[in-house]
Amino acid sequence: MNRQTVLVIKDERFTQHLEQVPHLENAVRIKAIHSMLQDPSICGKWLEVKPRLALSEELLLVHTPDHIERMARTAGKLITSLSLDTQTTAKSYEVARLAVR
């Protein structure tokens, strides 16, 4: 790996956030990014990193226990609206834990 190699956390599970919801942060965006990463012009300039689920202790480094619990309660629910522009779906909590790496 050289100084200009970009690490990319890549996993098909990221498409499960806001699955089937008309929102900018949906699976189409992730699939488009994955497609762009295959462009020959950037071959060798990025390195795929496999994610793992963040531990509770790691989440607590940047989030309050209340926030983590609020997000955890959305797991498995079809859709949860946290604000006018922030929603979660059944897999969003798990996907967010993958994105921590």
PDB file of N, CA and C in Angstrom:
ATOM      1  N   MET A   1       0.851  -1.186   0.000  1.00  0.00           N
ATOM      2  CA  MET A   1       0.000   0.000   0.000  1.00  0.00           C
ATOM      3  C   MET A   1       0.889   1.238   0.000  1.00  0.00           C
ATOM      4  N   ASN A   2       0.624   2.155  -0.945  1.00  0.00           N
ATOM      5  CA  ASN A   2       1.419   3.374  -1.000  1.00  0.00           C
ATOM      6  C   ASN A   2       0.722   4.516  -0.268  1.00  0.00           C
ATOM      7  N   ARG A   3       1.352   5.657  -0.201  1.00  0.00           N
ATOM      8  CA  ARG A   3       0.830   6.802   0.548  1.00  0.00           C
ATOM      9  C   ARG A   3      -0.502   7.307   0.010  1.00  0.00           C
ATOM     10  N   GLN A   4      -0.790   7.040  -1.272  1.00  0.00           N
ATOM     11  CA  GLN A   4      -2.001   7.576  -1.868  1.00  0.00           C
ATOM     12  C   GLN A   4      -3.139   6.561  -1.932  1.00  0.00           C
ATOM     13  N   THR A   5      -2.956   5.392  -1.364  1.00  0.00           N
ATOM     14  CA  THR A   5      -4.018   4.396  -1.356  1.00  0.00           C
ATOM     15  C   THR A   5      -5.099   4.813  -0.370  1.00  0.00           C
ATOM     16  N   VAL A   6      -6.328   4.766  -0.811  1.00  0.00           N
ATOM     17  CA  VAL A   6      -7.480   5.115   0.019  1.00  0.00           C
ATOM     18  C   VAL A   6      -8.093   3.821   0.550  1.00  0.00           C
ATOM     19  N   LEU A   7      -8.359   3.774   1.832  1.00  0.00           N
ATOM     20  CA  LEU A   7      -9.036   2.626   2.421  1.00  0.00           C
ATOM     21  C   LEU A   7     -10.538   2.834   2.288  1.00  0.00           C
ATOM     22  N   VAL A   8     -11.228   1.815   1.778  1.00  0.00           N
ATOM     23  CA  VAL A   8     -12.664   1.894   1.561  1.00  0.00           C
ATOM     24  C   VAL A   8     -13.334   0.754   2.309  1.00  0.00           C
ATOM     25  N   ILE A   9     -14.196   1.106   3.238  1.00  0.00           N
ATOM     26  CA  ILE A   9     -14.978   0.085   3.947  1.00  0.00           C
ATOM     27  C   ILE A   9     -16.146  -0.263   3.029  1.00  0.00           C
ATOM     28  N   LYS A  10     -16.142  -1.492   2.539  1.00  0.00           N
ATOM     29  CA  LYS A  10     -17.095  -1.897   1.506  1.00  0.00           C
ATOM     30  C   LYS A  10     -17.764  -3.203   1.919  1.00  0.00           C
ATOM     31  N   ASP A  11     -19.090  -3.211   1.835  1.00  0.00           N
ATOM     32  CA  ASP A  11     -19.839  -4.417   2.168  1.00  0.00           C
ATOM     33  C   ASP A  11     -21.230  -4.285   1.574  1.00  0.00           C
ATOM     34  N   GLU A  12     -21.720  -5.337   1.000  1.00  0.00           N
ATOM     35  CA  GLU A  12     -23.061  -5.320   0.404  1.00  0.00           C
ATOM     36  C   GLU A  12     -24.141  -5.036   1.445  1.00  0.00           C
ATOM     37  N   ARG A  13     -23.870  -5.321   2.704  1.00  0.00           N
ATOM     38  CA  ARG A  13     -24.877  -5.065   3.748  1.00  0.00           C
ATOM     39  C   ARG A  13     -25.204  -3.589   3.893  1.00  0.00           C
ATOM     40  N   PHE A  14     -24.326  -2.697   3.428  1.00  0.00           N
ATOM     41  CA  PHE A  14     -24.620  -1.270   3.501  1.00  0.00           C
ATOM     42  C   PHE A  14     -25.863  -0.908   2.685  1.00  0.00           C
ATOM     43  N   THR A  15     -26.223  -1.726   1.706  1.00  0.00           N
ATOM     44  CA  THR A  15     -27.427  -1.465   0.908  1.00  0.00           C
ATOM     45  C   THR A  15     -28.706  -1.693   1.709  1.00  0.00           C
ATOM     46  N   GLN A  16     -28.609  -2.301   2.874  1.00  0.00           N
ATOM     47  CA  GLN A  16     -29.796  -2.610   3.679  1.00  0.00           C
ATOM     48  C   GLN A  16     -30.292  -1.425   4.501  1.00  0.00           C
ATOM     49  N   HIS A  17     -29.495  -0.351   4.581  1.00  0.00           N
ATOM     50  CA  HIS A  17     -29.954   0.860   5.279  1.00  0.00           C
ATOM     51  C   HIS A  17     -30.977   1.556   4.396  1.00  0.00           C
ATOM     52  N   LEU A  18     -32.124   1.851   4.939  1.00  0.00           N
ATOM     53  CA  LEU A  18     -33.224   2.503   4.240  1.00  0.00           C
ATOM     54  C   LEU A  18     -33.657   1.736   2.993  1.00  0.00           C
ATOM     55  N   GLU A  19     -33.565   0.425   3.087  1.00  0.00           N
ATOM     56  CA  GLU A  19     -34.001  -0.430   1.990  1.00  0.00           C
ATOM     57  C   GLU A  19     -35.483  -0.196   1.716  1.00  0.00           C
ATOM     58  N   GLN A  20     -35.816  -0.010   0.445  1.00  0.00           N
ATOM     59  CA  GLN A  20     -37.201   0.205  -0.002  1.00  0.00           C
ATOM     60  C   GLN A  20     -37.791   1.542   0.467  1.00  0.00           C
ATOM     61  N   VAL A  21     -36.941   2.496   0.842  1.00  0.00           N
ATOM     62  CA  VAL A  21     -37.419   3.806   1.279  1.00  0.00           C
ATOM     63  C   VAL A  21     -36.907   4.855   0.288  1.00  0.00           C
ATOM     64  N   PRO A  22     -37.791   5.724  -0.213  1.00  0.00           N
ATOM     65  CA  PRO A  22     -37.344   6.775  -1.132  1.00  0.00           C
ATOM     66  C   PRO A  22     -36.593   7.876  -0.376  1.00  0.00           C
ATOM     67  N   HIS A  23     -35.296   7.748  -0.310  1.00  0.00           N
ATOM     68  CA  HIS A  23     -34.448   8.668   0.452  1.00  0.00           C
ATOM     69  C   HIS A  23     -33.097   8.728  -0.237  1.00  0.00           C
ATOM     70  N   LEU A  24     -32.376   9.835  -0.092  1.00  0.00           N
ATOM     71  CA  LEU A  24     -31.061   9.959  -0.717  1.00  0.00           C
ATOM     72  C   LEU A  24     -30.070   8.902  -0.232  1.00  0.00           C
ATOM     73  N   GLU A  25     -30.177   8.499   1.012  1.00  0.00           N
ATOM     74  CA  GLU A  25     -29.266   7.499   1.575  1.00  0.00           C
ATOM     75  C   GLU A  25     -29.849   6.097   1.410  1.00  0.00           C
ATOM     76  N   ASN A  26     -30.059   5.669   0.170  1.00  0.00           N
ATOM     77  CA  ASN A  26     -30.625   4.348  -0.041  1.00  0.00           C
ATOM     78  C   ASN A  26     -29.651   3.445  -0.786  1.00  0.00           C
ATOM     79  N   ALA A  27     -30.089   2.258  -1.106  1.00  0.00           N
ATOM     80  CA  ALA A  27     -29.221   1.255  -1.724  1.00  0.00           C
ATOM     81  C   ALA A  27     -28.687   1.692  -3.076  1.00  0.00           C
ATOM     82  N   VAL A  28     -29.428   2.489  -3.815  1.00  0.00           N
ATOM     83  CA  VAL A  28     -28.972   2.942  -5.136  1.00  0.00           C
ATOM     84  C   VAL A  28     -27.659   3.712  -5.007  1.00  0.00           C
ATOM     85  N   ARG A  29     -27.549   4.533  -3.981  1.00  0.00           N
ATOM     86  CA  ARG A  29     -26.328   5.323  -3.758  1.00  0.00           C
ATOM     87  C   ARG A  29     -25.130   4.407  -3.488  1.00  0.00           C
ATOM     88  N   ILE A  30     -25.332   3.406  -2.650  1.00  0.00           N
ATOM     89  CA  ILE A  30     -24.248   2.474  -2.326  1.00  0.00           C
ATOM     90  C   ILE A  30     -23.840   1.678  -3.568  1.00  0.00           C
ATOM     91  N   LYS A  31     -24.823   1.203  -4.317  1.00  0.00           N
ATOM     92  CA  LYS A  31     -24.528   0.441  -5.537  1.00  0.00           C
ATOM     93  C   LYS A  31     -23.779   1.302  -6.555  1.00  0.00           C
ATOM     94  N   ALA A  32     -24.127   2.574  -6.656  1.00  0.00           N
ATOM     95  CA  ALA A  32     -23.432   3.481  -7.570  1.00  0.00           C
ATOM     96  C   ALA A  32     -21.973   3.662  -7.146  1.00  0.00           C
ATOM     97  N   ILE A  33     -21.740   3.791  -5.856  1.00  0.00           N
ATOM     98  CA  ILE A  33     -20.366   3.923  -5.353  1.00  0.00           C
ATOM     99  C   ILE A  33     -19.579   2.652  -5.650  1.00  0.00           C
ATOM    100  N   HIS A  34     -20.177   1.501  -5.389  1.00  0.00           N
ATOM    101  CA  HIS A  34     -19.499   0.228  -5.669  1.00  0.00           C
ATOM    102  C   HIS A  34     -19.161   0.113  -7.153  1.00  0.00           C
ATOM    103  N   SER A  35     -20.052   0.562  -8.003  1.00  0.00           N
ATOM    104  CA  SER A  35     -19.807   0.533  -9.443  1.00  0.00           C
ATOM    105  C   SER A  35     -18.648   1.459  -9.828  1.00  0.00           C
ATOM    106  N   MET A  36     -18.635   2.656  -9.266  1.00  0.00           N
ATOM    107  CA  MET A  36     -17.565   3.615  -9.561  1.00  0.00           C
ATOM    108  C   MET A  36     -16.203   3.101  -9.101  1.00  0.00           C
ATOM    109  N   LEU A  37     -16.182   2.330  -8.030  1.00  0.00           N
ATOM    110  CA  LEU A  37     -14.918   1.785  -7.531  1.00  0.00           C
ATOM    111  C   LEU A  37     -14.300   0.786  -8.506  1.00  0.00           C
ATOM    112  N   GLN A  38     -15.099   0.290  -9.439  1.00  0.00           N
ATOM    113  CA  GLN A  38     -14.589  -0.659 -10.420  1.00  0.00           C
ATOM    114  C   GLN A  38     -13.987   0.023 -11.649  1.00  0.00           C
ATOM    115  N   ASP A  39     -14.064   1.336 -11.721  1.00  0.00           N
ATOM    116  CA  ASP A  39     -13.533   2.070 -12.872  1.00  0.00           C
ATOM    117  C   ASP A  39     -12.026   1.838 -12.985  1.00  0.00           C
ATOM    118  N   PRO A  40     -11.550   1.472 -14.169  1.00  0.00           N
ATOM    119  CA  PRO A  40     -10.118   1.198 -14.348  1.00  0.00           C
ATOM    120  C   PRO A  40      -9.204   2.367 -13.984  1.00  0.00           C
ATOM    121  N   SER A  41      -9.706   3.599 -14.074  1.00  0.00           N
ATOM    122  CA  SER A  41      -8.863   4.759 -13.782  1.00  0.00           C
ATOM    123  C   SER A  41      -8.455   4.850 -12.311  1.00  0.00           C
ATOM    124  N   ILE A  42      -9.166   4.148 -11.428  1.00  0.00           N
ATOM    125  CA  ILE A  42      -8.786   4.182 -10.010  1.00  0.00           C
ATOM    126  C   ILE A  42      -8.304   2.820  -9.512  1.00  0.00           C
ATOM    127  N   CYS A  43      -8.108   1.919 -10.423  1.00  0.00           N
ATOM    128  CA  CYS A  43      -7.590   0.589 -10.061  1.00  0.00           C
ATOM    129  C   CYS A  43      -6.252   0.729  -9.335  1.00  0.00           C
ATOM    130  N   GLY A  44      -6.125   0.074  -8.204  1.00  0.00           N
ATOM    131  CA  GLY A  44      -4.891   0.124  -7.426  1.00  0.00           C
ATOM    132  C   GLY A  44      -4.755   1.340  -6.531  1.00  0.00           C
ATOM    133  N   LYS A  45      -5.724   2.234  -6.551  1.00  0.00           N
ATOM    134  CA  LYS A  45      -5.649   3.449  -5.739  1.00  0.00           C
ATOM    135  C   LYS A  45      -6.482   3.355  -4.472  1.00  0.00           C
ATOM    136  N   TRP A  46      -7.160   2.235  -4.308  1.00  0.00           N
ATOM    137  CA  TRP A  46      -7.957   2.043  -3.103  1.00  0.00           C
ATOM    138  C   TRP A  46      -7.839   0.592  -2.653  1.00  0.00           C
ATOM    139  N   LEU A  47      -8.050   0.392  -1.376  1.00  0.00           N
ATOM    140  CA  LEU A  47      -7.944  -0.934  -0.789  1.00  0.00           C
ATOM    141  C   LEU A  47      -9.219  -1.211   0.001  1.00  0.00           C
ATOM    142  N   GLU A  48      -9.858  -2.335  -0.304  1.00  0.00           N
ATOM    143  CA  GLU A  48     -11.090  -2.701   0.387  1.00  0.00           C
ATOM    144  C   GLU A  48     -10.795  -3.196   1.794  1.00  0.00           C
ATOM    145  N   VAL A  49     -11.543  -2.675   2.741  1.00  0.00           N
ATOM    146  CA  VAL A  49     -11.448  -3.084   4.133  1.00  0.00           C
ATOM    147  C   VAL A  49     -12.788  -3.709   4.497  1.00  0.00           C
ATOM    148  N   LYS A  50     -12.753  -4.918   5.019  1.00  0.00           N
ATOM    149  CA  LYS A  50     -13.981  -5.579   5.452  1.00  0.00           C
ATOM    150  C   LYS A  50     -14.389  -5.029   6.815  1.00  0.00           C
ATOM    151  N   PRO A  51     -15.646  -4.669   6.960  1.00  0.00           N
ATOM    152  CA  PRO A  51     -16.086  -4.135   8.245  1.00  0.00           C
ATOM    153  C   PRO A  51     -16.383  -5.238   9.258  1.00  0.00           C
ATOM    154  N   ARG A  52     -16.503  -4.827  10.491  1.00  0.00           N
ATOM    155  CA  ARG A  52     -16.978  -5.701  11.561  1.00  0.00           C
ATOM    156  C   ARG A  52     -17.919  -4.865  12.411  1.00  0.00           C
ATOM    157  N   LEU A  53     -18.789  -5.525  13.147  1.00  0.00           N
ATOM    158  CA  LEU A  53     -19.713  -4.795  14.005  1.00  0.00           C
ATOM    159  C   LEU A  53     -18.945  -4.110  15.138  1.00  0.00           C
ATOM    160  N   ALA A  54     -19.198  -2.834  15.325  1.00  0.00           N
ATOM    161  CA  ALA A  54     -18.558  -2.095  16.412  1.00  0.00           C
ATOM    162  C   ALA A  54     -19.047  -2.617  17.753  1.00  0.00           C
ATOM    163  N   LEU A  55     -18.148  -2.652  18.699  1.00  0.00           N
ATOM    164  CA  LEU A  55     -18.486  -3.049  20.063  1.00  0.00           C
ATOM    165  C   LEU A  55     -19.150  -1.877  20.789  1.00  0.00           C
ATOM    166  N   SER A  56     -19.923  -2.178  21.801  1.00  0.00           N
ATOM    167  CA  SER A  56     -20.575  -1.120  22.591  1.00  0.00           C
ATOM    168  C   SER A  56     -19.560  -0.130  23.129  1.00  0.00           C
ATOM    169  N   GLU A  57     -18.414  -0.631  23.579  1.00  0.00           N
ATOM    170  CA  GLU A  57     -17.372   0.247  24.132  1.00  0.00           C
ATOM    171  C   GLU A  57     -16.880   1.235  23.084  1.00  0.00           C
ATOM    172  N   GLU A  58     -16.807   0.805  21.828  1.00  0.00           N
ATOM    173  CA  GLU A  58     -16.363   1.695  20.755  1.00  0.00           C
ATOM    174  C   GLU A  58     -17.423   2.749  20.459  1.00  0.00           C
ATOM    175  N   LEU A  59     -18.679   2.354  20.454  1.00  0.00           N
ATOM    176  CA  LEU A  59     -19.758   3.314  20.222  1.00  0.00           C
ATOM    177  C   LEU A  59     -19.781   4.375  21.317  1.00  0.00           C
ATOM    178  N   LEU A  60     -19.493   3.950  22.544  1.00  0.00           N
ATOM    179  CA  LEU A  60     -19.508   4.882  23.680  1.00  0.00           C
ATOM    180  C   LEU A  60     -18.396   5.927  23.614  1.00  0.00           C
ATOM    181  N   LEU A  61     -17.415   5.728  22.769  1.00  0.00           N
ATOM    182  CA  LEU A  61     -16.351   6.727  22.609  1.00  0.00           C
ATOM    183  C   LEU A  61     -16.877   8.010  21.974  1.00  0.00           C
ATOM    184  N   VAL A  62     -17.977   7.911  21.210  1.00  0.00           N
ATOM    185  CA  VAL A  62     -18.486   9.091  20.509  1.00  0.00           C
ATOM    186  C   VAL A  62     -19.984   9.341  20.702  1.00  0.00           C
ATOM    187  N   HIS A  63     -20.693   8.399  21.317  1.00  0.00           N
ATOM    188  CA  HIS A  63     -22.134   8.556  21.510  1.00  0.00           C
ATOM    189  C   HIS A  63     -22.503   8.317  22.967  1.00  0.00           C
ATOM    190  N   THR A  64     -23.585   8.942  23.383  1.00  0.00           N
ATOM    191  CA  THR A  64     -24.071   8.724  24.744  1.00  0.00           C
ATOM    192  C   THR A  64     -24.778   7.371  24.825  1.00  0.00           C
ATOM    193  N   PRO A  65     -24.849   6.796  26.017  1.00  0.00           N
ATOM    194  CA  PRO A  65     -25.601   5.543  26.173  1.00  0.00           C
ATOM    195  C   PRO A  65     -27.059   5.685  25.721  1.00  0.00           C
ATOM    196  N   ASP A  66     -27.666   6.844  25.990  1.00  0.00           N
ATOM    197  CA  ASP A  66     -29.056   7.066  25.582  1.00  0.00           C
ATOM    198  C   ASP A  66     -29.205   7.020  24.057  1.00  0.00           C
ATOM    199  N   HIS A  67     -28.279   7.638  23.355  1.00  0.00           N
ATOM    200  CA  HIS A  67     -28.339   7.641  21.892  1.00  0.00           C
ATOM    201  C   HIS A  67     -28.182   6.220  21.344  1.00  0.00           C
ATOM    202  N   ILE A  68     -27.230   5.488  21.871  1.00  0.00           N
ATOM    203  CA  ILE A  68     -27.004   4.113  21.417  1.00  0.00           C
ATOM    204  C   ILE A  68     -28.253   3.267  21.667  1.00  0.00           C
ATOM    205  N   GLU A  69     -28.845   3.410  22.831  1.00  0.00           N
ATOM    206  CA  GLU A  69     -30.063   2.654  23.152  1.00  0.00           C
ATOM    207  C   GLU A  69     -31.218   3.045  22.229  1.00  0.00           C
ATOM    208  N   ARG A  70     -31.345   4.330  21.949  1.00  0.00           N
ATOM    209  CA  ARG A  70     -32.402   4.791  21.037  1.00  0.00           C
ATOM    210  C   ARG A  70     -32.237   4.154  19.661  1.00  0.00           C
ATOM    211  N   MET A  71     -31.010   4.117  19.162  1.00  0.00           N
ATOM    212  CA  MET A  71     -30.760   3.505  17.853  1.00  0.00           C
ATOM    213  C   MET A  71     -30.989   1.994  17.896  1.00  0.00           C
ATOM    214  N   ALA A  72     -30.555   1.367  18.970  1.00  0.00           N
ATOM    215  CA  ALA A  72     -30.719  -0.087  19.106  1.00  0.00           C
ATOM    216  C   ALA A  72     -32.195  -0.475  19.096  1.00  0.00           C
ATOM    217  N   ARG A  73     -33.043   0.370  19.662  1.00  0.00           N
ATOM    218  CA  ARG A  73     -34.482   0.076  19.693  1.00  0.00           C
ATOM    219  C   ARG A  73     -35.117   0.109  18.304  1.00  0.00           C
ATOM    220  N   THR A  74     -34.443   0.687  17.316  1.00  0.00           N
ATOM    221  CA  THR A  74     -35.003   0.724  15.963  1.00  0.00           C
ATOM    222  C   THR A  74     -34.733  -0.572  15.207  1.00  0.00           C
ATOM    223  N   ALA A  75     -33.829  -1.392  15.698  1.00  0.00           N
ATOM    224  CA  ALA A  75     -33.465  -2.639  15.006  1.00  0.00           C
ATOM    225  C   ALA A  75     -34.685  -3.538  14.838  1.00  0.00           C
ATOM    226  N   GLY A  76     -34.852  -4.033  13.627  1.00  0.00           N
ATOM    227  CA  GLY A  76     -35.942  -4.943  13.343  1.00  0.00           C
ATOM    228  C   GLY A  76     -37.268  -4.268  13.023  1.00  0.00           C
ATOM    229  N   LYS A  77     -37.349  -2.966  13.210  1.00  0.00           N
ATOM    230  CA  LYS A  77     -38.598  -2.249  12.922  1.00  0.00           C
ATOM    231  C   LYS A  77     -38.616  -1.824  11.451  1.00  0.00           C
ATOM    232  N   LEU A  78     -39.755  -1.966  10.817  1.00  0.00           N
ATOM    233  CA  LEU A  78     -39.889  -1.666   9.404  1.00  0.00           C
ATOM    234  C   LEU A  78     -39.363  -0.279   9.063  1.00  0.00           C
ATOM    235  N   ILE A  79     -39.827   0.730   9.784  1.00  0.00           N
ATOM    236  CA  ILE A  79     -39.313   2.093   9.602  1.00  0.00           C
ATOM    237  C   ILE A  79     -39.535   2.875  10.891  1.00  0.00           C
ATOM    238  N   THR A  80     -38.525   3.661  11.245  1.00  0.00           N
ATOM    239  CA  THR A  80     -38.599   4.547  12.399  1.00  0.00           C
ATOM    240  C   THR A  80     -38.178   5.923  11.931  1.00  0.00           C
ATOM    241  N   SER A  81     -38.970   6.927  12.238  1.00  0.00           N
ATOM    242  CA  SER A  81     -38.625   8.296  11.884  1.00  0.00           C
ATOM    243  C   SER A  81     -38.043   8.977  13.115  1.00  0.00           C
ATOM    244  N   LEU A  82     -36.792   9.375  13.019  1.00  0.00           N
ATOM    245  CA  LEU A  82     -36.106  10.033  14.129  1.00  0.00           C
ATOM    246  C   LEU A  82     -36.258  11.552  14.049  1.00  0.00           C
ATOM    247  N   SER A  83     -36.418  12.052  12.830  1.00  0.00           N
ATOM    248  CA  SER A  83     -36.673  13.472  12.583  1.00  0.00           C
ATOM    249  C   SER A  83     -37.271  13.570  11.181  1.00  0.00           C
ATOM    250  N   LEU A  84     -37.508  14.786  10.700  1.00  0.00           N
ATOM    251  CA  LEU A  84     -38.109  14.937   9.377  1.00  0.00           C
ATOM    252  C   LEU A  84     -37.262  14.317   8.258  1.00  0.00           C
ATOM    253  N   ASP A  85     -35.941  14.339   8.407  1.00  0.00           N
ATOM    254  CA  ASP A  85     -35.094  13.802   7.335  1.00  0.00           C
ATOM    255  C   ASP A  85     -34.232  12.610   7.757  1.00  0.00           C
ATOM    256  N   THR A  86     -34.499  12.042   8.909  1.00  0.00           N
ATOM    257  CA  THR A  86     -33.698  10.917   9.388  1.00  0.00           C
ATOM    258  C   THR A  86     -34.601   9.755   9.748  1.00  0.00           C
ATOM    259  N   GLN A  87     -34.462   8.673   8.975  1.00  0.00           N
ATOM    260  CA  GLN A  87     -35.233   7.466   9.217  1.00  0.00           C
ATOM    261  C   GLN A  87     -34.291   6.272   9.332  1.00  0.00           C
ATOM    262  N   THR A  88     -34.808   5.223   9.946  1.00  0.00           N
ATOM    263  CA  THR A  88     -34.089   3.955   9.996  1.00  0.00           C
ATOM    264  C   THR A  88     -35.051   2.860   9.545  1.00  0.00           C
ATOM    265  N   THR A  89     -34.468   1.758   9.090  1.00  0.00           N
ATOM    266  CA  THR A  89     -35.257   0.582   8.753  1.00  0.00           C
ATOM    267  C   THR A  89     -34.707  -0.591   9.565  1.00  0.00           C
ATOM    268  N   ALA A  90     -35.217  -1.762   9.308  1.00  0.00           N
ATOM    269  CA  ALA A  90     -34.914  -2.930  10.147  1.00  0.00           C
ATOM    270  C   ALA A  90     -33.419  -3.191  10.334  1.00  0.00           C
ATOM    271  N   LYS A  91     -32.617  -2.942   9.329  1.00  0.00           N
ATOM    272  CA  LYS A  91     -31.181  -3.261   9.392  1.00  0.00           C
ATOM    273  C   LYS A  91     -30.282  -2.039   9.622  1.00  0.00           C
ATOM    274  N   SER A  92     -30.859  -0.862   9.746  1.00  0.00           N
ATOM    275  CA  SER A  92     -30.052   0.361   9.851  1.00  0.00           C
ATOM    276  C   SER A  92     -29.095   0.368  11.035  1.00  0.00           C
ATOM    277  N   TYR A  93     -29.546  -0.107  12.181  1.00  0.00           N
ATOM    278  CA  TYR A  93     -28.671  -0.111  13.359  1.00  0.00           C
ATOM    279  C   TYR A  93     -27.457  -1.008  13.121  1.00  0.00           C
ATOM    280  N   GLU A  94     -27.678  -2.188  12.576  1.00  0.00           N
ATOM    281  CA  GLU A  94     -26.577  -3.107  12.280  1.00  0.00           C
ATOM    282  C   GLU A  94     -25.631  -2.491  11.247  1.00  0.00           C
ATOM    283  N   VAL A  95     -26.194  -1.897  10.210  1.00  0.00           N
ATOM    284  CA  VAL A  95     -25.373  -1.288   9.159  1.00  0.00           C
ATOM    285  C   VAL A  95     -24.545  -0.146   9.735  1.00  0.00           C
ATOM    286  N   ALA A  96     -25.136   0.664  10.606  1.00  0.00           N
ATOM    287  CA  ALA A  96     -24.390   1.761  11.227  1.00  0.00           C
ATOM    288  C   ALA A  96     -23.235   1.218  12.050  1.00  0.00           C
ATOM    289  N   ARG A  97     -23.432   0.114  12.745  1.00  0.00           N
ATOM    290  CA  ARG A  97     -22.357  -0.489  13.532  1.00  0.00           C
ATOM    291  C   ARG A  97     -21.233  -1.011  12.629  1.00  0.00           C
ATOM    292  N   LEU A  98     -21.568  -1.399  11.404  1.00  0.00           N
ATOM    293  CA  LEU A  98     -20.538  -1.831  10.452  1.00  0.00           C
ATOM    294  C   LEU A  98     -19.701  -0.647   9.955  1.00  0.00           C
ATOM    295  N   ALA A  99     -20.306   0.519   9.881  1.00  0.00           N
ATOM    296  CA  ALA A  99     -19.647   1.686   9.310  1.00  0.00           C
ATOM    297  C   ALA A  99     -18.652   2.340  10.262  1.00  0.00           C
ATOM    298  N   VAL A 100     -18.550   1.871  11.478  1.00  0.00           N
ATOM    299  CA  VAL A 100     -17.700   2.498  12.487  1.00  0.00           C
ATOM    300  C   VAL A 100     -16.208   2.283  12.225  1.00  0.00           C
ATOM    301  N   ARG A 101     -15.876   1.151  11.762  1.00  0.00           N
ATOM    302  CA  ARG A 101     -14.470   0.733  11.609  1.00  0.00           C
ATOM    303  C   ARG A 101     -13.606   1.898  11.355  1.00  0.00           C
TER     304      ARG A 101
END
